[in-house]
Amino acid sequence: MHPYLLLSHKFDKKYLDEKIKEANTLTSYMSQTINDFQNFFKPQGEKELFSIKKACEDAFYIIESSLKYHGINLEFDVIEDSEVLGYKNEYSQVILNILSNAKDIFLERKIESPKIKIEIKVGENYSIVKIQDNAGGVEKSILDKIFEPYFTTRHKTQGTGIGLYMAKNIIERNMQGFINVRNFENGALFTIKVLK
């Protein structure tokens, strides 16, 4: 049987409508992200109160199909949500960048049963998001370099090394918070804190 005929049963109206909706959402988000990054070093527009949980969900929604396709399980653990004053789309981009990096490492290292956990909670002064994976962690020799501009472990055609540098600037410069990473158990653990 022709391979396309084997797939044809999946392409009903409901499936196509869902994919069109996803594509429209992604296009809208990417357009906004481009606008955000055009003003990256000098954000324009007012800060807004936004839900940390919602910002994380927005990031997840963008990459959800790709994670599912590669069999990567993502778990949300919302201990306590909070609203913070800042740039919601930029914050979502930070989360998306970390999730996307984890996905790439899972594939590169061929990790069995790949899993990402996002924990959202509130500290005394900060909203805290922890993103943990089971991809084997960051090599010790580069652990203190991954937030530097243009640092990348990938071939130059596959990445610019600007992602985590931008993430650090968004959190620490634009939102007066901080971000760090450490190896924990069998993976990497990113911690993002912003004033609530």
C-alpha atoms as a PDB file:
ATOM      1  CA  MET A   1       0.000   0.000   0.000  1.00  0.00           C
ATOM      2  CA  HIS A   2       1.222   3.505  -0.776  1.00  0.00           C
ATOM      3  CA  PRO A   3       2.593   5.227   2.395  1.00  0.00           C
ATOM      4  CA  TYR A   4       0.352   8.256   1.899  1.00  0.00           C
ATOM      5  CA  LEU A   5      -2.734   6.022   1.999  1.00  0.00           C
ATOM      6  CA  LEU A   6      -1.636   4.670   5.357  1.00  0.00           C
ATOM      7  CA  LEU A   7      -1.606   8.235   6.755  1.00  0.00           C
ATOM      8  CA  SER A   8      -4.764   9.468   5.053  1.00  0.00           C
ATOM      9  CA  HIS A   9      -7.138   8.455   7.837  1.00  0.00           C
ATOM     10  CA  LYS A  10      -5.474  11.005  10.158  1.00  0.00           C
ATOM     11  CA  PHE A  11      -6.211  13.936   7.874  1.00  0.00           C
ATOM     12  CA  ASP A  12      -9.885  14.489   8.677  1.00  0.00           C
ATOM     13  CA  LYS A  13     -11.477  17.923   9.106  1.00  0.00           C
ATOM     14  CA  LYS A  14     -11.038  17.952  12.897  1.00  0.00           C
ATOM     15  CA  TYR A  15      -7.317  17.155  12.613  1.00  0.00           C
ATOM     16  CA  LEU A  16      -6.757  19.810   9.945  1.00  0.00           C
ATOM     17  CA  ASP A  17      -8.731  22.425  11.916  1.00  0.00           C
ATOM     18  CA  GLU A  18      -6.561  21.717  14.975  1.00  0.00           C
ATOM     19  CA  LYS A  19      -3.350  22.042  12.948  1.00  0.00           C
ATOM     20  CA  ILE A  20      -4.527  25.282  11.312  1.00  0.00           C
ATOM     21  CA  LYS A  21      -5.364  26.692  14.744  1.00  0.00           C
ATOM     22  CA  GLU A  22      -1.925  25.658  16.048  1.00  0.00           C
ATOM     23  CA  ALA A  23      -0.224  27.242  13.030  1.00  0.00           C
ATOM     24  CA  ASN A  24      -2.156  30.500  13.465  1.00  0.00           C
ATOM     25  CA  THR A  25      -1.295  30.625  17.169  1.00  0.00           C
ATOM     26  CA  LEU A  26       2.367  29.903  16.447  1.00  0.00           C
ATOM     27  CA  THR A  27       2.511  32.560  13.710  1.00  0.00           C
ATOM     28  CA  SER A  28       0.937  35.154  15.992  1.00  0.00           C
ATOM     29  CA  TYR A  29       3.306  34.263  18.839  1.00  0.00           C
ATOM     30  CA  MET A  30       6.363  34.333  16.574  1.00  0.00           C
ATOM     31  CA  SER A  31       5.348  37.704  15.176  1.00  0.00           C
ATOM     32  CA  GLN A  32       5.035  39.100  18.691  1.00  0.00           C
ATOM     33  CA  THR A  33       8.341  37.499  19.672  1.00  0.00           C
ATOM     34  CA  ILE A  34      10.087  39.153  16.711  1.00  0.00           C
ATOM     35  CA  ASN A  35       8.644  42.483  17.832  1.00  0.00           C
ATOM     36  CA  ASP A  36       9.814  41.833  21.389  1.00  0.00           C
ATOM     37  CA  PHE A  37      13.344  40.943  20.285  1.00  0.00           C
ATOM     38  CA  GLN A  38      13.600  43.962  17.998  1.00  0.00           C
ATOM     39  CA  ASN A  39      13.394  45.969  21.201  1.00  0.00           C
ATOM     40  CA  PHE A  40      15.316  43.424  23.253  1.00  0.00           C
ATOM     41  CA  PHE A  41      17.981  45.629  24.793  1.00  0.00           C
ATOM     42  CA  LYS A  42      15.580  48.521  25.215  1.00  0.00           C
ATOM     43  CA  PRO A  43      12.107  47.103  25.815  1.00  0.00           C
ATOM     44  CA  GLN A  44       9.318  49.349  24.659  1.00  0.00           C
ATOM     45  CA  GLY A  45       5.858  49.273  26.095  1.00  0.00           C
ATOM     46  CA  GLU A  46       4.713  49.089  29.643  1.00  0.00           C
ATOM     47  CA  LYS A  47       5.318  46.282  32.058  1.00  0.00           C
ATOM     48  CA  GLU A  48       2.170  44.346  32.854  1.00  0.00           C
ATOM     49  CA  LEU A  49       0.950  42.109  35.639  1.00  0.00           C
ATOM     50  CA  PHE A  50       0.905  38.536  34.380  1.00  0.00           C
ATOM     51  CA  SER A  51       0.445  35.029  35.725  1.00  0.00           C
ATOM     52  CA  ILE A  52       3.641  32.964  35.846  1.00  0.00           C
ATOM     53  CA  LYS A  53       1.576  29.818  35.292  1.00  0.00           C
ATOM     54  CA  LYS A  54      -0.058  31.279  32.163  1.00  0.00           C
ATOM     55  CA  ALA A  55       3.311  32.447  30.762  1.00  0.00           C
ATOM     56  CA  CYS A  56       4.729  28.930  31.219  1.00  0.00           C
ATOM     57  CA  GLU A  57       1.636  27.361  29.633  1.00  0.00           C
ATOM     58  CA  ASP A  58       1.932  29.705  26.636  1.00  0.00           C
ATOM     59  CA  ALA A  59       5.527  28.576  26.091  1.00  0.00           C
ATOM     60  CA  PHE A  60       4.575  24.921  26.445  1.00  0.00           C
ATOM     61  CA  TYR A  61       1.740  25.265  23.943  1.00  0.00           C
ATOM     62  CA  ILE A  62       4.173  26.439  21.267  1.00  0.00           C
ATOM     63  CA  ILE A  63       6.439  23.399  21.635  1.00  0.00           C
ATOM     64  CA  GLU A  64       3.828  20.849  22.752  1.00  0.00           C
ATOM     65  CA  SER A  65       3.449  19.113  19.360  1.00  0.00           C
ATOM     66  CA  SER A  66       7.203  18.739  18.959  1.00  0.00           C
ATOM     67  CA  LEU A  67       7.612  17.301  22.466  1.00  0.00           C
ATOM     68  CA  LYS A  68       4.798  14.809  21.870  1.00  0.00           C
ATOM     69  CA  TYR A  69       6.209  13.830  18.482  1.00  0.00           C
ATOM     70  CA  HIS A  70       9.555  12.957  20.098  1.00  0.00           C
ATOM     71  CA  GLY A  71       7.946  11.146  23.048  1.00  0.00           C
ATOM     72  CA  ILE A  72       9.064  13.742  25.596  1.00  0.00           C
ATOM     73  CA  ASN A  73       6.839  13.862  28.659  1.00  0.00           C
ATOM     74  CA  LEU A  74       6.301  17.252  30.319  1.00  0.00           C
ATOM     75  CA  GLU A  75       4.865  17.503  33.832  1.00  0.00           C
ATOM     76  CA  PHE A  76       3.489  20.688  35.378  1.00  0.00           C
ATOM     77  CA  ASP A  77       3.556  20.974  39.165  1.00  0.00           C
ATOM     78  CA  VAL A  78       1.852  24.221  40.163  1.00  0.00           C
ATOM     79  CA  ILE A  79       2.363  24.504  43.919  1.00  0.00           C
ATOM     80  CA  GLU A  80       1.371  28.178  43.911  1.00  0.00           C
ATOM     81  CA  ASP A  81       0.904  30.635  41.070  1.00  0.00           C
ATOM     82  CA  SER A  82       1.589  34.353  41.380  1.00  0.00           C
ATOM     83  CA  GLU A  83       1.341  37.500  39.336  1.00  0.00           C
ATOM     84  CA  VAL A  84       4.461  39.498  38.607  1.00  0.00           C
ATOM     85  CA  LEU A  85       5.113  42.838  36.957  1.00  0.00           C
ATOM     86  CA  GLY A  86       7.150  42.460  33.797  1.00  0.00           C
ATOM     87  CA  TYR A  87       7.192  41.506  30.131  1.00  0.00           C
ATOM     88  CA  LYS A  88       5.031  38.409  29.657  1.00  0.00           C
ATOM     89  CA  ASN A  89       6.087  37.496  26.120  1.00  0.00           C
ATOM     90  CA  GLU A  90       9.768  37.851  26.965  1.00  0.00           C
ATOM     91  CA  TYR A  91       9.290  35.655  30.039  1.00  0.00           C
ATOM     92  CA  SER A  92       7.500  33.019  27.937  1.00  0.00           C
ATOM     93  CA  GLN A  93      10.390  33.137  25.468  1.00  0.00           C
ATOM     94  CA  VAL A  94      12.825  32.285  28.294  1.00  0.00           C
ATOM     95  CA  ILE A  95      10.753  29.231  29.232  1.00  0.00           C
ATOM     96  CA  LEU A  96      10.412  28.218  25.580  1.00  0.00           C
ATOM     97  CA  ASN A  97      14.176  28.515  25.068  1.00  0.00           C
ATOM     98  CA  ILE A  98      14.941  26.230  28.010  1.00  0.00           C
ATOM     99  CA  LEU A  99      12.345  23.657  26.879  1.00  0.00           C
ATOM    100  CA  SER A 100      13.663  23.757  23.320  1.00  0.00           C
ATOM    101  CA  ASN A 101      17.261  23.273  24.498  1.00  0.00           C
ATOM    102  CA  ALA A 102      16.195  20.292  26.621  1.00  0.00           C
ATOM    103  CA  LYS A 103      14.402  18.757  23.632  1.00  0.00           C
ATOM    104  CA  ASP A 104      17.540  19.121  21.488  1.00  0.00           C
ATOM    105  CA  ILE A 105      19.731  17.486  24.150  1.00  0.00           C
ATOM    106  CA  PHE A 106      17.288  14.586  24.548  1.00  0.00           C
ATOM    107  CA  LEU A 107      17.499  13.909  20.813  1.00  0.00           C
ATOM    108  CA  GLU A 108      21.261  14.417  20.628  1.00  0.00           C
ATOM    109  CA  ARG A 109      21.909  12.011  23.499  1.00  0.00           C
ATOM    110  CA  LYS A 110      19.101   9.580  22.540  1.00  0.00           C
ATOM    111  CA  ILE A 111      17.710   9.605  26.091  1.00  0.00           C
ATOM    112  CA  GLU A 112      15.201   6.870  26.874  1.00  0.00           C
ATOM    113  CA  SER A 113      11.979   7.994  28.614  1.00  0.00           C
ATOM    114  CA  PRO A 114      12.795  11.729  28.327  1.00  0.00           C
ATOM    115  CA  LYS A 115      11.020  13.887  30.886  1.00  0.00           C
ATOM    116  CA  ILE A 116      10.826  17.575  31.774  1.00  0.00           C
ATOM    117  CA  LYS A 117       9.256  18.855  34.972  1.00  0.00           C
ATOM    118  CA  ILE A 118       8.180  22.460  35.496  1.00  0.00           C
ATOM    119  CA  GLU A 119       7.563  23.445  39.108  1.00  0.00           C
ATOM    120  CA  ILE A 120       5.923  26.783  39.893  1.00  0.00           C
ATOM    121  CA  LYS A 121       5.927  28.112  43.437  1.00  0.00           C
ATOM    122  CA  VAL A 122       6.275  31.264  45.507  1.00  0.00           C
ATOM    123  CA  GLY A 123       9.109  32.177  47.854  1.00  0.00           C
ATOM    124  CA  GLU A 124       9.236  35.004  50.369  1.00  0.00           C
ATOM    125  CA  ASN A 125       9.899  37.725  47.794  1.00  0.00           C
ATOM    126  CA  TYR A 126      10.093  35.860  44.515  1.00  0.00           C
ATOM    127  CA  SER A 127       8.025  33.834  42.104  1.00  0.00           C
ATOM    128  CA  ILE A 128      10.057  30.709  41.413  1.00  0.00           C
ATOM    129  CA  VAL A 129      10.043  28.423  38.387  1.00  0.00           C
ATOM    130  CA  LYS A 130      12.198  25.310  38.313  1.00  0.00           C
ATOM    131  CA  ILE A 131      12.686  23.378  35.081  1.00  0.00           C
ATOM    132  CA  GLN A 132      14.306  19.991  35.461  1.00  0.00           C
ATOM    133  CA  ASP A 133      15.132  17.361  32.844  1.00  0.00           C
ATOM    134  CA  ASN A 134      16.647  13.880  32.872  1.00  0.00           C
ATOM    135  CA  ALA A 135      19.025  14.416  29.935  1.00  0.00           C
ATOM    136  CA  GLY A 136      22.237  13.753  31.868  1.00  0.00           C
ATOM    137  CA  GLY A 137      23.096  17.289  32.945  1.00  0.00           C
ATOM    138  CA  VAL A 138      25.483  19.954  31.703  1.00  0.00           C
ATOM    139  CA  GLU A 139      29.156  19.032  31.352  1.00  0.00           C
ATOM    140  CA  LYS A 140      31.041  20.450  34.345  1.00  0.00           C
ATOM    141  CA  SER A 141      33.619  22.116  32.103  1.00  0.00           C
ATOM    142  CA  ILE A 142      30.942  24.334  30.501  1.00  0.00           C
ATOM    143  CA  LEU A 143      28.501  24.749  33.382  1.00  0.00           C
ATOM    144  CA  ASP A 144      29.684  28.291  34.165  1.00  0.00           C
ATOM    145  CA  LYS A 145      29.797  29.331  30.489  1.00  0.00           C
ATOM    146  CA  ILE A 146      26.366  28.521  29.088  1.00  0.00           C
ATOM    147  CA  PHE A 147      24.938  31.988  29.766  1.00  0.00           C
ATOM    148  CA  GLU A 148      27.817  33.721  27.959  1.00  0.00           C
ATOM    149  CA  PRO A 149      27.068  35.351  24.574  1.00  0.00           C
ATOM    150  CA  TYR A 150      27.724  33.164  21.528  1.00  0.00           C
ATOM    151  CA  PHE A 151      28.633  30.130  23.616  1.00  0.00           C
ATOM    152  CA  THR A 152      27.222  26.997  21.998  1.00  0.00           C
ATOM    153  CA  THR A 153      27.996  23.297  22.009  1.00  0.00           C
ATOM    154  CA  ARG A 154      26.410  22.907  18.585  1.00  0.00           C
ATOM    155  CA  HIS A 155      27.916  23.257  15.139  1.00  0.00           C
ATOM    156  CA  LYS A 156      27.816  26.859  13.943  1.00  0.00           C
ATOM    157  CA  THR A 157      25.072  26.053  11.418  1.00  0.00           C
ATOM    158  CA  GLN A 158      22.770  24.696  14.144  1.00  0.00           C
ATOM    159  CA  GLY A 159      22.826  27.408  16.769  1.00  0.00           C
ATOM    160  CA  THR A 160      24.055  30.876  17.592  1.00  0.00           C
ATOM    161  CA  GLY A 161      24.635  30.428  21.313  1.00  0.00           C
ATOM    162  CA  ILE A 162      22.547  33.530  21.918  1.00  0.00           C
ATOM    163  CA  GLY A 163      19.482  31.831  23.464  1.00  0.00           C
ATOM    164  CA  LEU A 164      20.549  31.450  27.099  1.00  0.00           C
ATOM    165  CA  TYR A 165      22.429  34.742  27.017  1.00  0.00           C
ATOM    166  CA  MET A 166      19.191  36.453  25.972  1.00  0.00           C
ATOM    167  CA  ALA A 167      17.278  34.504  28.605  1.00  0.00           C
ATOM    168  CA  LYS A 168      19.658  35.742  31.299  1.00  0.00           C
ATOM    169  CA  ASN A 169      19.319  39.345  30.111  1.00  0.00           C
ATOM    170  CA  ILE A 170      15.529  39.152  29.977  1.00  0.00           C
ATOM    171  CA  ILE A 171      15.302  37.839  33.532  1.00  0.00           C
ATOM    172  CA  GLU A 172      18.150  39.760  35.171  1.00  0.00           C
ATOM    173  CA  ARG A 173      18.232  43.011  33.220  1.00  0.00           C
ATOM    174  CA  ASN A 174      14.658  43.509  32.079  1.00  0.00           C
ATOM    175  CA  MET A 175      12.853  41.926  35.049  1.00  0.00           C
ATOM    176  CA  GLN A 176      15.337  42.346  37.928  1.00  0.00           C
ATOM    177  CA  GLY A 177      15.327  38.644  38.712  1.00  0.00           C
ATOM    178  CA  PHE A 178      17.926  35.946  38.315  1.00  0.00           C
ATOM    179  CA  ILE A 179      18.412  32.632  36.541  1.00  0.00           C
ATOM    180  CA  ASN A 180      20.871  29.837  37.176  1.00  0.00           C
ATOM    181  CA  VAL A 181      21.491  26.214  36.286  1.00  0.00           C
ATOM    182  CA  ARG A 182      23.018  23.312  38.145  1.00  0.00           C
ATOM    183  CA  ASN A 183      23.201  19.578  37.696  1.00  0.00           C
ATOM    184  CA  PHE A 184      20.707  17.742  39.852  1.00  0.00           C
ATOM    185  CA  GLU A 185      20.099  13.993  40.034  1.00  0.00           C
ATOM    186  CA  ASN A 186      20.272  12.814  36.397  1.00  0.00           C
ATOM    187  CA  GLY A 187      19.781  16.100  34.568  1.00  0.00           C
ATOM    188  CA  ALA A 188      19.939  19.883  34.514  1.00  0.00           C
ATOM    189  CA  LEU A 189      17.903  22.100  36.823  1.00  0.00           C
ATOM    190  CA  PHE A 190      17.176  25.696  35.799  1.00  0.00           C
ATOM    191  CA  THR A 191      15.853  28.040  38.485  1.00  0.00           C
ATOM    192  CA  ILE A 192      14.215  31.332  37.505  1.00  0.00           C
ATOM    193  CA  LYS A 193      13.239  33.884  40.148  1.00  0.00           C
ATOM    194  CA  VAL A 194      11.499  37.221  39.591  1.00  0.00           C
ATOM    195  CA  LEU A 195      10.197  39.672  42.164  1.00  0.00           C
ATOM    196  CA  LYS A 196       6.507  39.163  42.867  1.00  0.00           C
END
